[in-house]
Amino acid sequence: AEIIEKYHFSFQKKFGQNFLVDSSILDRIIESAQITKEDCVLEIGPGIGTMTQCLAEEAGVVVAVEIDKNLIPVLEDTLSAYENVTVINADILKLDLNRIVEEHNGGRPIKVVANLPYYITTPIIMALFEKHVPLHSVEVADRMQVGPGTKDYGALSLAVQYYAKPEVVTKVPADCFMPKPNVDSAVIRLTRYEKPPVEVEDEAWLFAVI
């Protein structure tokens, strides 16, 4: 709250900004992702840098992509002590992610951590997979591990499970975010398959049907 007040930051509804600030949840994400100094981590939506600081402590390299230009001076402040962090002010969907992986990790697989609003989760996660960005896993705060017959079992669930195995890491009460959202969340770990669990001759046709 202090850093928000210092920079007179106003939350942008269009960006769905709810910053994850609970230290125990942040620790669970780091533990689940098995972050080590050998890792390059792509963080999507660093916000005020709370998670970014935790990642920088454990990872070798962190690339944080933030769409809101008003957060850049905040991140420059909160991340000033970390030389292994690069902040990029851009829309993640418009970046050449394969080039970023090449520049920052020699083309080797990265790990992705993201705290995303529900409406943008689908295109971002699918972009990572469909553009064949080299990655080990994705940790995202959302509602994706669901089964047939439940209200959230839709196109996102089917499409994601074609590329990766989803697992619930931990439930995240609304109180863990600032400002507090209207719903609770869950941290989902997506572990990418070396090859999809089913053989499909025409992926484009498959996703059109989905």
C-alpha atoms as a PDB file:
ATOM      1  CA  ALA A   1       0.000   0.000   0.000  1.00  0.00           C
ATOM      2  CA  GLU A   2       2.884   2.372   0.761  1.00  0.00           C
ATOM      3  CA  ILE A   3       4.435   2.029  -2.684  1.00  0.00           C
ATOM      4  CA  ILE A   4       1.011   2.538  -4.311  1.00  0.00           C
ATOM      5  CA  GLU A   5       0.521   5.763  -2.348  1.00  0.00           C
ATOM      6  CA  LYS A   6       4.091   6.931  -3.025  1.00  0.00           C
ATOM      7  CA  TYR A   7       3.530   6.898  -6.773  1.00  0.00           C
ATOM      8  CA  HIS A   8      -0.150   7.930  -6.632  1.00  0.00           C
ATOM      9  CA  PHE A   9      -0.952   4.830  -8.650  1.00  0.00           C
ATOM     10  CA  SER A  10      -4.534   4.285  -9.795  1.00  0.00           C
ATOM     11  CA  PHE A  11      -5.713   0.760 -10.537  1.00  0.00           C
ATOM     12  CA  GLN A  12      -6.772   0.275 -14.151  1.00  0.00           C
ATOM     13  CA  LYS A  13      -9.982  -1.691 -14.563  1.00  0.00           C
ATOM     14  CA  LYS A  14      -9.168  -2.315 -18.241  1.00  0.00           C
ATOM     15  CA  PHE A  15      -6.064  -4.266 -17.173  1.00  0.00           C
ATOM     16  CA  GLY A  16      -7.898  -6.257 -14.485  1.00  0.00           C
ATOM     17  CA  GLN A  17      -5.282  -5.312 -11.901  1.00  0.00           C
ATOM     18  CA  ASN A  18      -5.336  -7.311  -8.665  1.00  0.00           C
ATOM     19  CA  PHE A  19      -1.831  -7.639  -7.230  1.00  0.00           C
ATOM     20  CA  LEU A  20      -0.952 -10.850  -5.373  1.00  0.00           C
ATOM     21  CA  VAL A  21       0.690  -9.736  -2.119  1.00  0.00           C
ATOM     22  CA  ASP A  22       0.365 -12.678   0.288  1.00  0.00           C
ATOM     23  CA  SER A  23       3.879 -13.947   1.110  1.00  0.00           C
ATOM     24  CA  SER A  24       2.800 -17.522   1.863  1.00  0.00           C
ATOM     25  CA  ILE A  25       1.127 -17.842  -1.556  1.00  0.00           C
ATOM     26  CA  LEU A  26       4.183 -16.332  -3.249  1.00  0.00           C
ATOM     27  CA  ASP A  27       6.369 -18.908  -1.494  1.00  0.00           C
ATOM     28  CA  ARG A  28       4.082 -21.737  -2.666  1.00  0.00           C
ATOM     29  CA  ILE A  29       4.385 -20.562  -6.262  1.00  0.00           C
ATOM     30  CA  ILE A  30       8.190 -20.434  -6.062  1.00  0.00           C
ATOM     31  CA  GLU A  31       8.271 -23.897  -4.483  1.00  0.00           C
ATOM     32  CA  SER A  32       5.894 -25.389  -7.039  1.00  0.00           C
ATOM     33  CA  ALA A  33       7.793 -23.943  -9.984  1.00  0.00           C
ATOM     34  CA  GLN A  34      11.048 -25.345  -8.522  1.00  0.00           C
ATOM     35  CA  ILE A  35      12.896 -22.141  -9.380  1.00  0.00           C
ATOM     36  CA  THR A  36      16.711 -22.405  -9.234  1.00  0.00           C
ATOM     37  CA  LYS A  37      19.654 -20.227 -10.264  1.00  0.00           C
ATOM     38  CA  GLU A  38      19.748 -22.246 -13.495  1.00  0.00           C
ATOM     39  CA  ASP A  39      16.349 -20.904 -14.524  1.00  0.00           C
ATOM     40  CA  CYS A  40      15.222 -18.025 -16.685  1.00  0.00           C
ATOM     41  CA  VAL A  41      11.721 -16.970 -15.617  1.00  0.00           C
ATOM     42  CA  LEU A  42       9.267 -14.981 -17.713  1.00  0.00           C
ATOM     43  CA  GLU A  43       6.842 -13.142 -15.447  1.00  0.00           C
ATOM     44  CA  ILE A  44       3.705 -11.816 -17.095  1.00  0.00           C
ATOM     45  CA  GLY A  45       2.085  -8.951 -15.217  1.00  0.00           C
ATOM     46  CA  PRO A  46       4.568  -8.155 -12.414  1.00  0.00           C
ATOM     47  CA  GLY A  47       2.375  -5.361 -11.062  1.00  0.00           C
ATOM     48  CA  ILE A  48       4.307  -3.630  -8.267  1.00  0.00           C
ATOM     49  CA  GLY A  49       7.033  -6.277  -8.267  1.00  0.00           C
ATOM     50  CA  THR A  50       6.141  -8.326  -5.176  1.00  0.00           C
ATOM     51  CA  MET A  51       6.406 -11.660  -6.972  1.00  0.00           C
ATOM     52  CA  THR A  52       9.279 -10.371  -9.103  1.00  0.00           C
ATOM     53  CA  GLN A  53      11.403  -9.801  -5.997  1.00  0.00           C
ATOM     54  CA  CYS A  54      10.796 -13.401  -4.871  1.00  0.00           C
ATOM     55  CA  LEU A  55      11.657 -14.734  -8.327  1.00  0.00           C
ATOM     56  CA  ALA A  56      14.828 -12.629  -8.527  1.00  0.00           C
ATOM     57  CA  GLU A  57      16.031 -14.093  -5.227  1.00  0.00           C
ATOM     58  CA  GLU A  58      15.751 -17.653  -6.539  1.00  0.00           C
ATOM     59  CA  ALA A  59      16.193 -17.497 -10.342  1.00  0.00           C
ATOM     60  CA  GLY A  60      19.200 -16.775 -12.482  1.00  0.00           C
ATOM     61  CA  VAL A  61      17.361 -14.377 -14.797  1.00  0.00           C
ATOM     62  CA  VAL A  62      13.891 -12.810 -14.636  1.00  0.00           C
ATOM     63  CA  VAL A  63      12.188 -11.067 -17.557  1.00  0.00           C
ATOM     64  CA  ALA A  64       9.075  -9.219 -16.391  1.00  0.00           C
ATOM     65  CA  VAL A  65       6.590  -7.969 -18.989  1.00  0.00           C
ATOM     66  CA  GLU A  66       4.188  -5.265 -17.794  1.00  0.00           C
ATOM     67  CA  ILE A  67       1.594  -3.647 -20.052  1.00  0.00           C
ATOM     68  CA  ASP A  68       0.809  -0.648 -17.812  1.00  0.00           C
ATOM     69  CA  LYS A  69       3.380   2.113 -18.361  1.00  0.00           C
ATOM     70  CA  ASN A  70       2.319   3.730 -15.066  1.00  0.00           C
ATOM     71  CA  LEU A  71       3.816   0.770 -13.206  1.00  0.00           C
ATOM     72  CA  ILE A  72       7.266   1.070 -14.776  1.00  0.00           C
ATOM     73  CA  PRO A  73       8.590   3.710 -12.315  1.00  0.00           C
ATOM     74  CA  VAL A  74       7.158   1.641  -9.465  1.00  0.00           C
ATOM     75  CA  LEU A  75       8.997  -1.448 -10.707  1.00  0.00           C
ATOM     76  CA  GLU A  76      12.220   0.524 -11.176  1.00  0.00           C
ATOM     77  CA  ASP A  77      11.952   1.399  -7.475  1.00  0.00           C
ATOM     78  CA  THR A  78      10.931  -1.975  -6.029  1.00  0.00           C
ATOM     79  CA  LEU A  79      13.418  -3.893  -8.209  1.00  0.00           C
ATOM     80  CA  SER A  80      16.356  -1.480  -7.984  1.00  0.00           C
ATOM     81  CA  ALA A  81      18.397  -3.920  -5.884  1.00  0.00           C
ATOM     82  CA  TYR A  82      18.158  -6.773  -8.417  1.00  0.00           C
ATOM     83  CA  GLU A  83      20.593  -6.842 -11.332  1.00  0.00           C
ATOM     84  CA  ASN A  84      19.159 -10.053 -12.770  1.00  0.00           C
ATOM     85  CA  VAL A  85      15.762  -8.553 -13.659  1.00  0.00           C
ATOM     86  CA  THR A  86      14.774  -7.014 -17.005  1.00  0.00           C
ATOM     87  CA  VAL A  87      11.463  -5.131 -17.139  1.00  0.00           C
ATOM     88  CA  ILE A  88       9.752  -4.739 -20.518  1.00  0.00           C
ATOM     89  CA  ASN A  89       6.820  -2.353 -20.935  1.00  0.00           C
ATOM     90  CA  ALA A  90       4.751  -4.107 -23.591  1.00  0.00           C
ATOM     91  CA  ASP A  91       1.695  -6.169 -24.407  1.00  0.00           C
ATOM     92  CA  ILE A  92       2.822  -9.792 -24.027  1.00  0.00           C
ATOM     93  CA  LEU A  93       0.667 -10.787 -27.024  1.00  0.00           C
ATOM     94  CA  LYS A  94       2.624  -8.436 -29.295  1.00  0.00           C
ATOM     95  CA  LEU A  95       6.107  -9.551 -28.266  1.00  0.00           C
ATOM     96  CA  ASP A  96       8.318 -11.998 -30.129  1.00  0.00           C
ATOM     97  CA  LEU A  97       8.627 -14.370 -27.183  1.00  0.00           C
ATOM     98  CA  ASN A  98      10.923 -16.781 -28.997  1.00  0.00           C
ATOM     99  CA  ARG A  99      13.379 -13.929 -29.566  1.00  0.00           C
ATOM    100  CA  ILE A 100      13.208 -13.003 -25.874  1.00  0.00           C
ATOM    101  CA  VAL A 101      13.948 -16.589 -24.881  1.00  0.00           C
ATOM    102  CA  GLU A 102      16.871 -16.643 -27.313  1.00  0.00           C
ATOM    103  CA  GLU A 103      18.290 -13.361 -25.991  1.00  0.00           C
ATOM    104  CA  HIS A 104      17.898 -14.082 -22.293  1.00  0.00           C
ATOM    105  CA  ASN A 105      18.283 -17.871 -22.110  1.00  0.00           C
ATOM    106  CA  GLY A 106      20.051 -18.969 -25.288  1.00  0.00           C
ATOM    107  CA  GLY A 107      16.847 -20.535 -26.610  1.00  0.00           C
ATOM    108  CA  ARG A 108      16.650 -23.011 -23.718  1.00  0.00           C
ATOM    109  CA  PRO A 109      13.246 -23.697 -22.099  1.00  0.00           C
ATOM    110  CA  ILE A 110      12.064 -21.102 -19.591  1.00  0.00           C
ATOM    111  CA  LYS A 111       9.542 -21.134 -16.769  1.00  0.00           C
ATOM    112  CA  VAL A 112       6.544 -18.812 -16.860  1.00  0.00           C
ATOM    113  CA  VAL A 113       4.824 -17.234 -13.856  1.00  0.00           C
ATOM    114  CA  ALA A 114       1.704 -15.131 -14.351  1.00  0.00           C
ATOM    115  CA  ASN A 115      -0.999 -13.439 -12.308  1.00  0.00           C
ATOM    116  CA  LEU A 116      -3.608 -12.732 -14.950  1.00  0.00           C
ATOM    117  CA  PRO A 117      -7.189 -11.468 -15.067  1.00  0.00           C
ATOM    118  CA  TYR A 118      -9.542 -14.190 -16.261  1.00  0.00           C
ATOM    119  CA  TYR A 119     -10.463 -12.514 -19.561  1.00  0.00           C
ATOM    120  CA  ILE A 120      -6.866 -12.455 -20.855  1.00  0.00           C
ATOM    121  CA  THR A 121      -5.695 -15.829 -19.547  1.00  0.00           C
ATOM    122  CA  THR A 122      -6.939 -17.777 -22.573  1.00  0.00           C
ATOM    123  CA  PRO A 123      -5.139 -15.840 -25.333  1.00  0.00           C
ATOM    124  CA  ILE A 124      -1.901 -15.524 -23.342  1.00  0.00           C
ATOM    125  CA  ILE A 125      -1.624 -19.176 -22.348  1.00  0.00           C
ATOM    126  CA  MET A 126      -2.582 -20.368 -25.824  1.00  0.00           C
ATOM    127  CA  ALA A 127      -0.104 -17.954 -27.419  1.00  0.00           C
ATOM    128  CA  LEU A 128       2.712 -19.471 -25.354  1.00  0.00           C
ATOM    129  CA  PHE A 129       1.808 -22.961 -26.548  1.00  0.00           C
ATOM    130  CA  GLU A 130       0.799 -22.247 -30.143  1.00  0.00           C
ATOM    131  CA  LYS A 131       3.901 -20.150 -30.862  1.00  0.00           C
ATOM    132  CA  HIS A 132       5.961 -23.064 -29.537  1.00  0.00           C
ATOM    133  CA  VAL A 133       7.781 -20.892 -27.011  1.00  0.00           C
ATOM    134  CA  PRO A 134      10.344 -23.192 -25.351  1.00  0.00           C
ATOM    135  CA  LEU A 135       9.087 -23.622 -21.799  1.00  0.00           C
ATOM    136  CA  HIS A 136       9.058 -26.144 -18.988  1.00  0.00           C
ATOM    137  CA  SER A 137       5.967 -25.037 -17.117  1.00  0.00           C
ATOM    138  CA  VAL A 138       3.515 -22.240 -16.410  1.00  0.00           C
ATOM    139  CA  GLU A 139       2.283 -21.153 -12.977  1.00  0.00           C
ATOM    140  CA  VAL A 140      -0.846 -19.040 -13.264  1.00  0.00           C
ATOM    141  CA  ALA A 141      -3.476 -17.757 -10.851  1.00  0.00           C
ATOM    142  CA  ASP A 142      -6.762 -18.795 -12.470  1.00  0.00           C
ATOM    143  CA  ARG A 143      -9.523 -21.435 -12.702  1.00  0.00           C
ATOM    144  CA  MET A 144      -8.350 -23.981 -15.241  1.00  0.00           C
ATOM    145  CA  GLN A 145      -8.265 -27.430 -13.704  1.00  0.00           C
ATOM    146  CA  VAL A 146     -11.836 -28.506 -14.103  1.00  0.00           C
ATOM    147  CA  GLY A 147     -13.542 -31.627 -15.402  1.00  0.00           C
ATOM    148  CA  PRO A 148     -16.506 -32.416 -17.665  1.00  0.00           C
ATOM    149  CA  GLY A 149     -19.827 -31.391 -16.190  1.00  0.00           C
ATOM    150  CA  THR A 150     -18.491 -28.413 -14.239  1.00  0.00           C
ATOM    151  CA  LYS A 151     -19.315 -24.845 -15.199  1.00  0.00           C
ATOM    152  CA  ASP A 152     -15.731 -23.887 -16.063  1.00  0.00           C
ATOM    153  CA  TYR A 153     -15.025 -26.855 -18.340  1.00  0.00           C
ATOM    154  CA  GLY A 154     -14.838 -25.080 -21.664  1.00  0.00           C
ATOM    155  CA  ALA A 155     -12.611 -24.320 -24.598  1.00  0.00           C
ATOM    156  CA  LEU A 156      -9.724 -23.116 -22.419  1.00  0.00           C
ATOM    157  CA  SER A 157      -9.659 -26.296 -20.355  1.00  0.00           C
ATOM    158  CA  LEU A 158      -9.721 -28.551 -23.412  1.00  0.00           C
ATOM    159  CA  ALA A 159      -7.148 -26.555 -25.332  1.00  0.00           C
ATOM    160  CA  VAL A 160      -4.745 -26.259 -22.412  1.00  0.00           C
ATOM    161  CA  GLN A 161      -4.960 -29.965 -21.625  1.00  0.00           C
ATOM    162  CA  TYR A 162      -3.940 -30.766 -25.189  1.00  0.00           C
ATOM    163  CA  TYR A 163      -0.592 -29.088 -24.526  1.00  0.00           C
ATOM    164  CA  ALA A 164      -0.029 -29.443 -20.777  1.00  0.00           C
ATOM    165  CA  LYS A 165      -0.964 -31.304 -17.612  1.00  0.00           C
ATOM    166  CA  PRO A 166      -2.830 -28.974 -15.183  1.00  0.00           C
ATOM    167  CA  GLU A 167      -2.517 -29.328 -11.411  1.00  0.00           C
ATOM    168  CA  VAL A 168      -3.932 -27.167  -8.631  1.00  0.00           C
ATOM    169  CA  VAL A 169      -1.028 -25.889  -6.506  1.00  0.00           C
ATOM    170  CA  THR A 170      -3.068 -24.000  -3.932  1.00  0.00           C
ATOM    171  CA  LYS A 171      -6.328 -22.158  -3.496  1.00  0.00           C
ATOM    172  CA  VAL A 172      -5.979 -18.380  -3.219  1.00  0.00           C
ATOM    173  CA  PRO A 173      -8.571 -16.475  -1.151  1.00  0.00           C
ATOM    174  CA  ALA A 174      -9.565 -13.051  -2.432  1.00  0.00           C
ATOM    175  CA  ASP A 175      -7.934 -11.460   0.646  1.00  0.00           C
ATOM    176  CA  CYS A 176      -4.503 -12.352  -0.787  1.00  0.00           C
ATOM    177  CA  PHE A 177      -4.878  -9.721  -3.499  1.00  0.00           C
ATOM    178  CA  MET A 178      -4.804  -5.938  -3.542  1.00  0.00           C
ATOM    179  CA  PRO A 179      -7.388  -4.684  -4.268  1.00  0.00           C
ATOM    180  CA  LYS A 180      -9.571  -7.592  -3.186  1.00  0.00           C
ATOM    181  CA  PRO A 181     -11.328  -9.221  -6.181  1.00  0.00           C
ATOM    182  CA  ASN A 182     -14.895 -10.521  -6.093  1.00  0.00           C
ATOM    183  CA  VAL A 183     -13.910 -14.185  -6.413  1.00  0.00           C
ATOM    184  CA  ASP A 184     -11.351 -16.581  -5.001  1.00  0.00           C
ATOM    185  CA  SER A 185      -8.685 -18.026  -7.292  1.00  0.00           C
ATOM    186  CA  ALA A 186      -6.308 -20.953  -7.508  1.00  0.00           C
ATOM    187  CA  VAL A 187      -2.706 -21.219  -8.581  1.00  0.00           C
ATOM    188  CA  ILE A 188      -2.521 -23.712 -11.435  1.00  0.00           C
ATOM    189  CA  ARG A 189       0.668 -25.415 -12.586  1.00  0.00           C
ATOM    190  CA  LEU A 190       0.761 -26.362 -16.260  1.00  0.00           C
ATOM    191  CA  THR A 191       3.505 -28.856 -17.057  1.00  0.00           C
ATOM    192  CA  ARG A 192       4.066 -29.028 -20.783  1.00  0.00           C
ATOM    193  CA  TYR A 193       3.901 -32.451 -22.423  1.00  0.00           C
ATOM    194  CA  GLU A 194       6.867 -33.481 -24.529  1.00  0.00           C
ATOM    195  CA  LYS A 195       4.203 -34.407 -27.046  1.00  0.00           C
ATOM    196  CA  PRO A 196       0.401 -34.105 -26.807  1.00  0.00           C
ATOM    197  CA  PRO A 197      -1.377 -37.045 -25.116  1.00  0.00           C
ATOM    198  CA  VAL A 198      -3.460 -37.649 -28.243  1.00  0.00           C
ATOM    199  CA  GLU A 199      -2.362 -37.772 -31.858  1.00  0.00           C
ATOM    200  CA  VAL A 200      -4.074 -35.213 -34.065  1.00  0.00           C
ATOM    201  CA  GLU A 201      -3.515 -34.917 -37.805  1.00  0.00           C
ATOM    202  CA  ASP A 202      -4.913 -31.376 -38.045  1.00  0.00           C
ATOM    203  CA  GLU A 203      -4.521 -29.208 -34.940  1.00  0.00           C
ATOM    204  CA  ALA A 204      -6.227 -26.243 -36.610  1.00  0.00           C
ATOM    205  CA  TRP A 205      -9.323 -28.382 -37.200  1.00  0.00           C
ATOM    206  CA  LEU A 206      -9.240 -29.629 -33.609  1.00  0.00           C
ATOM    207  CA  PHE A 207      -9.226 -26.137 -32.136  1.00  0.00           C
ATOM    208  CA  ALA A 208     -11.882 -24.964 -34.569  1.00  0.00           C
ATOM    209  CA  VAL A 209     -14.158 -27.728 -33.269  1.00  0.00           C
ATOM    210  CA  ILE A 210     -13.336 -26.862 -29.645  1.00  0.00           C
END
